[in-house]
Amino acid sequence: MPKMKTKSGAKKRFQITGSGKIKRKHAYKSHILTKKSKKRKRRLGHFTTVDKTAEDSIKHQLGMK
């Protein structure tokens, strides 16, 4: 049986923390930034964790399951 390949799109978008959670960036930070407030843009720059319902799917794409 050959090795399972990691999805390259998922590899670029997600990171695994030390405790096993998955980090992701916020959406809506790439363009049309003039109408967004400074506070909103600042919050969108930070990482957040992936929802529990999507964790299994993403771990599968990353070759962890």
Protein backbone atom coordinates (compact mmCIF):
# COMPACT_ATOMS: atom_id res chain seq x y z
CA MET A 1 0.00 0.00 0.00
CA PRO A 2 1.53 3.37 -0.96
CA LYS A 3 1.84 6.25 1.47
CA MET A 4 -1.03 8.71 1.66
CA LYS A 5 -0.13 12.11 0.24
CA THR A 6 -0.79 15.27 2.24
CA LYS A 7 -3.13 17.76 0.56
CA SER A 8 -0.85 20.65 -0.34
CA GLY A 9 -3.61 23.25 0.10
CA ALA A 10 -4.27 22.09 3.66
CA LYS A 11 -0.53 21.98 4.37
CA LYS A 12 -0.28 25.69 3.54
CA ARG A 13 -3.37 26.77 5.50
CA PHE A 14 -3.24 24.89 8.81
CA GLN A 15 -0.77 24.33 11.64
CA ILE A 16 -0.92 21.82 14.48
CA THR A 17 -0.34 23.11 18.01
CA GLY A 18 1.53 21.23 20.69
CA SER A 19 -1.71 20.10 22.32
CA GLY A 20 -3.06 18.76 19.02
CA LYS A 21 -5.42 21.58 18.11
CA ILE A 22 -5.42 23.04 14.60
CA LYS A 23 -4.67 26.72 13.99
CA ARG A 24 -6.01 28.70 11.05
CA LYS A 25 -6.02 32.29 9.83
CA HIS A 26 -9.14 34.43 9.65
CA ALA A 27 -10.81 35.10 6.31
CA TYR A 28 -11.60 38.56 4.84
CA LYS A 29 -8.13 40.06 5.38
CA SER A 30 -6.79 40.02 1.80
CA HIS A 31 -8.53 42.87 -0.07
CA ILE A 32 -11.14 45.65 0.18
CA LEU A 33 -9.54 46.79 3.42
CA THR A 34 -10.46 50.48 3.18
CA LYS A 35 -14.02 50.02 4.43
CA LYS A 36 -12.98 47.78 7.34
CA SER A 37 -12.13 49.37 10.67
CA LYS A 38 -8.65 49.23 12.17
CA LYS A 39 -9.96 47.13 15.04
CA ARG A 40 -11.55 44.61 12.69
CA LYS A 41 -8.41 44.30 10.55
CA ARG A 42 -6.26 43.88 13.65
CA ARG A 43 -8.47 41.05 14.96
CA LEU A 44 -8.46 39.32 11.57
CA GLY A 45 -4.67 39.21 11.62
CA HIS A 46 -4.55 36.79 14.56
CA PHE A 47 -4.79 33.02 14.42
CA THR A 48 -7.76 31.09 15.76
CA THR A 49 -8.54 27.41 16.26
CA VAL A 50 -10.54 25.21 13.92
CA ASP A 51 -13.99 24.11 15.05
CA LYS A 52 -14.32 20.57 16.48
CA THR A 53 -16.67 19.54 13.66
CA ALA A 54 -13.99 20.20 11.01
CA GLU A 55 -10.97 18.81 12.89
CA ASP A 56 -11.35 15.22 11.67
CA SER A 57 -11.60 16.31 8.04
CA ILE A 58 -8.53 18.54 8.26
CA LYS A 59 -6.47 15.93 10.12
CA HIS A 60 -7.34 13.46 7.35
CA GLN A 61 -6.16 15.97 4.71
CA LEU A 62 -2.92 16.49 6.64
CA GLY A 63 -2.28 12.71 6.76
CA MET A 64 -2.71 12.41 10.51
CA LYS A 65 -5.59 9.93 10.43
